Amino acid sequence: LFCLRLGTSCPQSCQCLDHEGAVAVHCSASGLQE
């Protein structure tokens, strides 16, 4: 359930790492144009 909740709110091509309720979002070098 935690993974599903976190996964649904994470942008595509990004990684969202949770640490004690704080999220680090890594979208480096993902080809994003916006």
PDB file of all heavy atoms in Angstrom:
ATOM      1  N   LEU A   1       0.829  -1.203   0.000  1.00  0.00           N
ATOM      2  CA  LEU A   1       0.000   0.000   0.000  1.00  0.00           C
ATOM      3  C   LEU A   1       0.863   1.252   0.000  1.00  0.00           C
ATOM      4  O   LEU A   1       0.570   2.246  -0.687  1.00  0.00           O
ATOM      5  CB  LEU A   1      -0.927  -0.001   1.223  1.00  0.00           C
ATOM      6  CG  LEU A   1      -2.054  -1.042   1.209  1.00  0.00           C
ATOM      7  CD1 LEU A   1      -2.813  -1.008   2.533  1.00  0.00           C
ATOM      8  CD2 LEU A   1      -3.007  -0.780   0.040  1.00  0.00           C
ATOM      9  N   PHE A   2       1.977   1.243   0.748  1.00  0.00           N
ATOM     10  CA  PHE A   2       2.886   2.393   0.790  1.00  0.00           C
ATOM     11  C   PHE A   2       3.494   2.650  -0.587  1.00  0.00           C
ATOM     12  O   PHE A   2       3.571   3.782  -1.066  1.00  0.00           O
ATOM     13  CB  PHE A   2       3.981   2.162   1.829  1.00  0.00           C
ATOM     14  CG  PHE A   2       5.063   3.193   1.800  1.00  0.00           C
ATOM     15  CD1 PHE A   2       4.854   4.448   2.367  1.00  0.00           C
ATOM     16  CD2 PHE A   2       6.282   2.921   1.200  1.00  0.00           C
ATOM     17  CE1 PHE A   2       5.857   5.397   2.353  1.00  0.00           C
ATOM     18  CE2 PHE A   2       7.274   3.865   1.177  1.00  0.00           C
ATOM     19  CZ  PHE A   2       7.064   5.112   1.759  1.00  0.00           C
ATOM     20  N   CYS A   3       3.956   1.593  -1.238  1.00  0.00           N
ATOM     21  CA  CYS A   3       4.568   1.729  -2.553  1.00  0.00           C
ATOM     22  C   CYS A   3       3.576   2.226  -3.582  1.00  0.00           C
ATOM     23  O   CYS A   3       3.906   3.048  -4.435  1.00  0.00           O
ATOM     24  CB  CYS A   3       5.160   0.385  -2.995  1.00  0.00           C
ATOM     25  SG  CYS A   3       6.564  -0.159  -1.981  1.00  0.00           S
ATOM     26  N   LEU A   4       2.350   1.709  -3.491  1.00  0.00           N
ATOM     27  CA  LEU A   4       1.329   2.172  -4.433  1.00  0.00           C
ATOM     28  C   LEU A   4       1.015   3.637  -4.218  1.00  0.00           C
ATOM     29  O   LEU A   4       0.877   4.417  -5.166  1.00  0.00           O
ATOM     30  CB  LEU A   4       0.062   1.318  -4.275  1.00  0.00           C
ATOM     31  CG  LEU A   4       0.155  -0.118  -4.812  1.00  0.00           C
ATOM     32  CD1 LEU A   4      -1.121  -0.874  -4.467  1.00  0.00           C
ATOM     33  CD2 LEU A   4       0.391  -0.141  -6.316  1.00  0.00           C
ATOM     34  N   ARG A   5       0.930   4.048  -2.930  1.00  0.00           N
ATOM     35  CA  ARG A   5       0.611   5.445  -2.650  1.00  0.00           C
ATOM     36  C   ARG A   5       1.717   6.359  -3.139  1.00  0.00           C
ATOM     37  O   ARG A   5       1.487   7.400  -3.757  1.00  0.00           O
ATOM     38  CB  ARG A   5       0.408   5.622  -1.138  1.00  0.00           C
ATOM     39  CG  ARG A   5       0.105   7.062  -0.734  1.00  0.00           C
ATOM     40  CD  ARG A   5       0.048   7.199   0.767  1.00  0.00           C
ATOM     41  NE  ARG A   5       1.321   6.890   1.365  1.00  0.00           N
ATOM     42  CZ  ARG A   5       2.338   7.753   1.431  1.00  0.00           C
ATOM     43  NH1 ARG A   5       2.216   8.953   0.886  1.00  0.00           N
ATOM     44  NH2 ARG A   5       3.474   7.407   1.997  1.00  0.00           N
ATOM     45  N   LEU A   6       2.976   5.959  -2.881  1.00  0.00           N
ATOM     46  CA  LEU A   6       4.103   6.775  -3.281  1.00  0.00           C
ATOM     47  C   LEU A   6       4.283   6.766  -4.791  1.00  0.00           C
ATOM     48  O   LEU A   6       4.602   7.772  -5.399  1.00  0.00           O
ATOM     49  CB  LEU A   6       5.378   6.277  -2.592  1.00  0.00           C
ATOM     50  CG  LEU A   6       6.650   7.115  -2.766  1.00  0.00           C
ATOM     51  CD1 LEU A   6       6.406   8.521  -2.248  1.00  0.00           C
ATOM     52  CD2 LEU A   6       7.825   6.468  -2.067  1.00  0.00           C
ATOM     53  N   GLY A   7       4.061   5.607  -5.397  1.00  0.00           N
ATOM     54  CA  GLY A   7       4.256   5.484  -6.826  1.00  0.00           C
ATOM     55  C   GLY A   7       3.270   6.312  -7.625  1.00  0.00           C
ATOM     56  O   GLY A   7       3.618   6.863  -8.658  1.00  0.00           O
ATOM     57  N   THR A   8       2.041   6.422  -7.162  1.00  0.00           N
ATOM     58  CA  THR A   8       1.043   7.159  -7.921  1.00  0.00           C
ATOM     59  C   THR A   8       1.313   8.657  -7.912  1.00  0.00           C
ATOM     60  O   THR A   8       0.836   9.375  -8.777  1.00  0.00           O
ATOM     61  CB  THR A   8      -0.357   6.892  -7.337  1.00  0.00           C
ATOM     62  OG1 THR A   8      -0.335   7.195  -5.940  1.00  0.00           O
ATOM     63  CG2 THR A   8      -0.745   5.428  -7.524  1.00  0.00           C
ATOM     64  N   SER A   9       2.079   9.164  -6.919  1.00  0.00           N
ATOM     65  CA  SER A   9       2.332  10.593  -6.845  1.00  0.00           C
ATOM     66  C   SER A   9       3.700  10.980  -7.389  1.00  0.00           C
ATOM     67  O   SER A   9       4.075  12.137  -7.323  1.00  0.00           O
ATOM     68  CB  SER A   9       2.213  11.065  -5.386  1.00  0.00           C
ATOM     69  OG  SER A   9       3.194  10.421  -4.598  1.00  0.00           O
ATOM     70  N   CYS A  10       4.436  10.036  -7.906  1.00  0.00           N
ATOM     71  CA  CYS A  10       5.778  10.314  -8.410  1.00  0.00           C
ATOM     72  C   CYS A  10       5.726  10.510  -9.919  1.00  0.00           C
ATOM     73  O   CYS A  10       5.115   9.704 -10.635  1.00  0.00           O
ATOM     74  CB  CYS A  10       6.706   9.152  -8.069  1.00  0.00           C
ATOM     75  SG  CYS A  10       8.459   9.537  -8.365  1.00  0.00           S
ATOM     76  N   PRO A  11       6.333  11.588 -10.442  1.00  0.00           N
ATOM     77  CA  PRO A  11       6.305  11.829 -11.884  1.00  0.00           C
ATOM     78  C   PRO A  11       6.948  10.684 -12.661  1.00  0.00           C
ATOM     79  O   PRO A  11       7.854  10.005 -12.172  1.00  0.00           O
ATOM     80  CB  PRO A  11       7.107  13.127 -12.047  1.00  0.00           C
ATOM     81  CG  PRO A  11       7.103  13.754 -10.701  1.00  0.00           C
ATOM     82  CD  PRO A  11       7.060  12.635  -9.720  1.00  0.00           C
ATOM     83  N   GLN A  12       6.476  10.492 -13.863  1.00  0.00           N
ATOM     84  CA  GLN A  12       7.045   9.467 -14.721  1.00  0.00           C
ATOM     85  C   GLN A  12       8.512   9.801 -15.020  1.00  0.00           C
ATOM     86  O   GLN A  12       8.880  10.957 -15.174  1.00  0.00           O
ATOM     87  CB  GLN A  12       6.248   9.383 -16.023  1.00  0.00           C
ATOM     88  CG  GLN A  12       6.638   8.218 -16.919  1.00  0.00           C
ATOM     89  CD  GLN A  12       5.750   8.145 -18.146  1.00  0.00           C
ATOM     90  OE1 GLN A  12       4.891   9.004 -18.351  1.00  0.00           O
ATOM     91  NE2 GLN A  12       5.941   7.113 -18.949  1.00  0.00           N
ATOM     92  N   SER A  13       9.336   8.795 -15.102  1.00  0.00           N
ATOM     93  CA  SER A  13      10.785   8.924 -15.364  1.00  0.00           C
ATOM     94  C   SER A  13      11.546   9.496 -14.182  1.00  0.00           C
ATOM     95  O   SER A  13      12.717   9.845 -14.320  1.00  0.00           O
ATOM     96  CB  SER A  13      11.053   9.774 -16.609  1.00  0.00           C
ATOM     97  OG  SER A  13      10.405   9.224 -17.739  1.00  0.00           O
ATOM     98  N   CYS A  14      10.900   9.627 -13.040  1.00  0.00           N
ATOM     99  CA  CYS A  14      11.563  10.147 -11.844  1.00  0.00           C
ATOM    100  C   CYS A  14      11.586   9.076 -10.759  1.00  0.00           C
ATOM    101  O   CYS A  14      10.847   8.096 -10.811  1.00  0.00           O
ATOM    102  CB  CYS A  14      10.849  11.396 -11.313  1.00  0.00           C
ATOM    103  SG  CYS A  14      10.776  12.755 -12.498  1.00  0.00           S
ATOM    104  N   GLN A  15      12.415   9.282  -9.778  1.00  0.00           N
ATOM    105  CA  GLN A  15      12.472   8.426  -8.604  1.00  0.00           C
ATOM    106  C   GLN A  15      12.147   9.254  -7.374  1.00  0.00           C
ATOM    107  O   GLN A  15      12.705  10.333  -7.188  1.00  0.00           O
ATOM    108  CB  GLN A  15      13.864   7.798  -8.452  1.00  0.00           C
ATOM    109  CG  GLN A  15      14.225   6.812  -9.553  1.00  0.00           C
ATOM    110  CD  GLN A  15      15.590   6.192  -9.334  1.00  0.00           C
ATOM    111  OE1 GLN A  15      16.368   6.645  -8.488  1.00  0.00           O
ATOM    112  NE2 GLN A  15      15.898   5.149 -10.091  1.00  0.00           N
ATOM    113  N   CYS A  16      11.258   8.732  -6.552  1.00  0.00           N
ATOM    114  CA  CYS A  16      10.849   9.430  -5.337  1.00  0.00           C
ATOM    115  C   CYS A  16      11.260   8.592  -4.131  1.00  0.00           C
ATOM    116  O   CYS A  16      10.759   7.478  -3.944  1.00  0.00           O
ATOM    117  CB  CYS A  16       9.338   9.657  -5.338  1.00  0.00           C
ATOM    118  SG  CYS A  16       8.763  10.697  -6.701  1.00  0.00           S
ATOM    119  N   LEU A  17      12.162   9.120  -3.349  1.00  0.00           N
ATOM    120  CA  LEU A  17      12.678   8.410  -2.185  1.00  0.00           C
ATOM    121  C   LEU A  17      12.134   9.050  -0.924  1.00  0.00           C
ATOM    122  O   LEU A  17      12.332  10.244  -0.686  1.00  0.00           O
ATOM    123  CB  LEU A  17      14.211   8.439  -2.192  1.00  0.00           C
ATOM    124  CG  LEU A  17      14.880   7.951  -3.493  1.00  0.00           C
ATOM    125  CD1 LEU A  17      16.389   8.109  -3.404  1.00  0.00           C
ATOM    126  CD2 LEU A  17      14.498   6.509  -3.787  1.00  0.00           C
ATOM    127  N   ASP A  18      11.476   8.221  -0.105  1.00  0.00           N
ATOM    128  CA  ASP A  18      10.846   8.715   1.111  1.00  0.00           C
ATOM    129  C   ASP A  18      11.755   8.478   2.307  1.00  0.00           C
ATOM    130  O   ASP A  18      12.347   7.417   2.450  1.00  0.00           O
ATOM    131  CB  ASP A  18       9.504   8.013   1.331  1.00  0.00           C
ATOM    132  CG  ASP A  18       8.792   8.536   2.554  1.00  0.00           C
ATOM    133  OD1 ASP A  18       9.089   8.071   3.657  1.00  0.00           O
ATOM    134  OD2 ASP A  18       7.930   9.423   2.396  1.00  0.00           O
ATOM    135  N   HIS A  19      11.871   9.511   3.155  1.00  0.00           N
ATOM    136  CA  HIS A  19      12.641   9.369   4.377  1.00  0.00           C
ATOM    137  C   HIS A  19      11.921  10.111   5.489  1.00  0.00           C
ATOM    138  O   HIS A  19      11.896  11.346   5.535  1.00  0.00           O
ATOM    139  CB  HIS A  19      14.060   9.927   4.210  1.00  0.00           C
ATOM    140  CG  HIS A  19      14.883   9.855   5.462  1.00  0.00           C
ATOM    141  ND1 HIS A  19      15.300   8.654   6.010  1.00  0.00           N
ATOM    142  CD2 HIS A  19      15.349  10.832   6.293  1.00  0.00           C
ATOM    143  CE1 HIS A  19      16.000   8.902   7.111  1.00  0.00           C
ATOM    144  NE2 HIS A  19      16.033  10.208   7.314  1.00  0.00           N
ATOM    145  N   GLU A  20      11.289   9.349   6.367  1.00  0.00           N
ATOM    146  CA  GLU A  20      10.557   9.900   7.514  1.00  0.00           C
ATOM    147  C   GLU A  20       9.530  10.941   7.075  1.00  0.00           C
ATOM    148  O   GLU A  20       9.421  12.015   7.668  1.00  0.00           O
ATOM    149  CB  GLU A  20      11.543  10.495   8.531  1.00  0.00           C
ATOM    150  CG  GLU A  20      12.491   9.470   9.126  1.00  0.00           C
ATOM    151  CD  GLU A  20      13.436  10.078  10.147  1.00  0.00           C
ATOM    152  OE1 GLU A  20      13.403  11.327  10.293  1.00  0.00           O
ATOM    153  OE2 GLU A  20      14.195   9.334  10.787  1.00  0.00           O
ATOM    154  N   GLY A  21       8.807  10.632   6.021  1.00  0.00           N
ATOM    155  CA  GLY A  21       7.738  11.510   5.558  1.00  0.00           C
ATOM    156  C   GLY A  21       8.170  12.605   4.623  1.00  0.00           C
ATOM    157  O   GLY A  21       7.338  13.309   4.065  1.00  0.00           O
ATOM    158  N   ALA A  22       9.481  12.773   4.433  1.00  0.00           N
ATOM    159  CA  ALA A  22      10.000  13.763   3.492  1.00  0.00           C
ATOM    160  C   ALA A  22      10.455  13.046   2.228  1.00  0.00           C
ATOM    161  O   ALA A  22      11.092  11.995   2.294  1.00  0.00           O
ATOM    162  CB  ALA A  22      11.157  14.541   4.107  1.00  0.00           C
ATOM    163  N   VAL A  23      10.132  13.610   1.082  1.00  0.00           N
ATOM    164  CA  VAL A  23      10.397  12.944  -0.189  1.00  0.00           C
ATOM    165  C   VAL A  23      11.469  13.690  -0.957  1.00  0.00           C
ATOM    166  O   VAL A  23      11.426  14.921  -1.081  1.00  0.00           O
ATOM    167  CB  VAL A  23       9.106  12.845  -1.036  1.00  0.00           C
ATOM    168  CG1 VAL A  23       9.395  12.179  -2.372  1.00  0.00           C
ATOM    169  CG2 VAL A  23       8.037  12.072  -0.280  1.00  0.00           C
ATOM    170  N   ALA A  24      12.432  12.951  -1.486  1.00  0.00           N
ATOM    171  CA  ALA A  24      13.438  13.484  -2.394  1.00  0.00           C
ATOM    172  C   ALA A  24      13.093  12.999  -3.799  1.00  0.00           C
ATOM    173  O   ALA A  24      13.020  11.790  -4.037  1.00  0.00           O
ATOM    174  CB  ALA A  24      14.826  13.025  -1.989  1.00  0.00           C
ATOM    175  N   VAL A  25      12.865  13.939  -4.717  1.00  0.00           N
ATOM    176  CA  VAL A  25      12.450  13.596  -6.073  1.00  0.00           C
ATOM    177  C   VAL A  25      13.625  13.800  -7.017  1.00  0.00           C
ATOM    178  O   VAL A  25      14.151  14.906  -7.154  1.00  0.00           O
ATOM    179  CB  VAL A  25      11.254  14.468  -6.523  1.00  0.00           C
ATOM    180  CG1 VAL A  25      10.779  14.049  -7.905  1.00  0.00           C
ATOM    181  CG2 VAL A  25      10.105  14.350  -5.523  1.00  0.00           C
ATOM    182  N   HIS A  26      14.048  12.722  -7.661  1.00  0.00           N
ATOM    183  CA  HIS A  26      15.192  12.752  -8.572  1.00  0.00           C
ATOM    184  C   HIS A  26      14.692  12.559 -10.005  1.00  0.00           C
ATOM    185  O   HIS A  26      14.226  11.479 -10.364  1.00  0.00           O
ATOM    186  CB  HIS A  26      16.192  11.654  -8.207  1.00  0.00           C
ATOM    187  CG  HIS A  26      16.836  11.847  -6.873  1.00  0.00           C
ATOM    188  ND1 HIS A  26      18.066  12.446  -6.709  1.00  0.00           N
ATOM    189  CD2 HIS A  26      16.404  11.529  -5.614  1.00  0.00           C
ATOM    190  CE1 HIS A  26      18.375  12.491  -5.427  1.00  0.00           C
ATOM    191  NE2 HIS A  26      17.386  11.939  -4.733  1.00  0.00           N
ATOM    192  N   CYS A  27      14.800  13.628 -10.804  1.00  0.00           N
ATOM    193  CA  CYS A  27      14.399  13.573 -12.212  1.00  0.00           C
ATOM    194  C   CYS A  27      15.566  13.967 -13.116  1.00  0.00           C
ATOM    195  O   CYS A  27      15.357  14.472 -14.226  1.00  0.00           O
ATOM    196  CB  CYS A  27      13.219  14.509 -12.467  1.00  0.00           C
ATOM    197  SG  CYS A  27      11.773  14.206 -11.437  1.00  0.00           S
ATOM    198  N   SER A  28      16.777  13.754 -12.651  1.00  0.00           N
ATOM    199  CA  SER A  28      17.954  14.171 -13.402  1.00  0.00           C
ATOM    200  C   SER A  28      18.082  13.389 -14.708  1.00  0.00           C
ATOM    201  O   SER A  28      17.816  12.181 -14.752  1.00  0.00           O
ATOM    202  CB  SER A  28      19.217  13.954 -12.564  1.00  0.00           C
ATOM    203  OG  SER A  28      19.114  14.623 -11.325  1.00  0.00           O
ATOM    204  N   ALA A  29      18.489  14.108 -15.783  1.00  0.00           N
ATOM    205  CA  ALA A  29      18.776  13.474 -17.075  1.00  0.00           C
ATOM    206  C   ALA A  29      17.647  12.559 -17.530  1.00  0.00           C
ATOM    207  O   ALA A  29      17.871  11.423 -17.946  1.00  0.00           O
ATOM    208  CB  ALA A  29      20.095  12.709 -16.995  1.00  0.00           C
ATOM    209  N   SER A  30      16.421  13.067 -17.452  1.00  0.00           N
ATOM    210  CA  SER A  30      15.262  12.272 -17.846  1.00  0.00           C
ATOM    211  C   SER A  30      14.645  12.725 -19.165  1.00  0.00           C
ATOM    212  O   SER A  30      13.574  12.248 -19.543  1.00  0.00           O
ATOM    213  CB  SER A  30      14.192  12.336 -16.737  1.00  0.00           C
ATOM    214  OG  SER A  30      14.700  11.815 -15.527  1.00  0.00           O
ATOM    215  N   GLY A  31      15.301  13.681 -19.850  1.00  0.00           N
ATOM    216  CA  GLY A  31      14.772  14.158 -21.127  1.00  0.00           C
ATOM    217  C   GLY A  31      13.551  15.045 -20.998  1.00  0.00           C
ATOM    218  O   GLY A  31      12.822  15.246 -21.976  1.00  0.00           O
ATOM    219  N   LEU A  32      13.325  15.604 -19.810  1.00  0.00           N
ATOM    220  CA  LEU A  32      12.141  16.438 -19.587  1.00  0.00           C
ATOM    221  C   LEU A  32      12.268  17.770 -20.332  1.00  0.00           C
ATOM    222  O   LEU A  32      13.326  18.398 -20.319  1.00  0.00           O
ATOM    223  CB  LEU A  32      11.958  16.706 -18.094  1.00  0.00           C
ATOM    224  CG  LEU A  32      11.732  15.477 -17.199  1.00  0.00           C
ATOM    225  CD1 LEU A  32      11.701  15.891 -15.738  1.00  0.00           C
ATOM    226  CD2 LEU A  32      10.435  14.773 -17.585  1.00  0.00           C
ATOM    227  N   GLN A  33      11.180  18.218 -20.946  1.00  0.00           N
ATOM    228  CA  GLN A  33      11.157  19.500 -21.635  1.00  0.00           C
ATOM    229  C   GLN A  33      10.358  20.551 -20.874  1.00  0.00           C
ATOM    230  O   GLN A  33      10.299  21.703 -21.279  1.00  0.00           O
ATOM    231  CB  GLN A  33      10.584  19.320 -23.042  1.00  0.00           C
ATOM    232  CG  GLN A  33      11.431  18.421 -23.926  1.00  0.00           C
ATOM    233  CD  GLN A  33      10.906  18.330 -25.339  1.00  0.00           C
ATOM    234  OE1 GLN A  33       9.897  18.944 -25.691  1.00  0.00           O
ATOM    235  NE2 GLN A  33      11.589  17.566 -26.179  1.00  0.00           N
ATOM    236  N   GLU A  34       9.731  20.138 -19.782  1.00  0.00           N
ATOM    237  CA  GLU A  34       8.986  21.066 -18.931  1.00  0.00           C
ATOM    238  C   GLU A  34       8.986  20.541 -17.509  1.00  0.00           C
ATOM    239  O   GLU A  34       9.288  19.366 -17.257  1.00  0.00           O
ATOM    240  CB  GLU A  34       7.554  21.252 -19.431  1.00  0.00           C
ATOM    241  CG  GLU A  34       6.737  19.987 -19.461  1.00  0.00           C
ATOM    242  CD  GLU A  34       5.338  20.195 -20.004  1.00  0.00           C
ATOM    243  OE1 GLU A  34       5.078  21.249 -20.617  1.00  0.00           O
ATOM    244  OE2 GLU A  34       4.484  19.306 -19.802  1.00  0.00           O
TER     245      GLU A  34
END
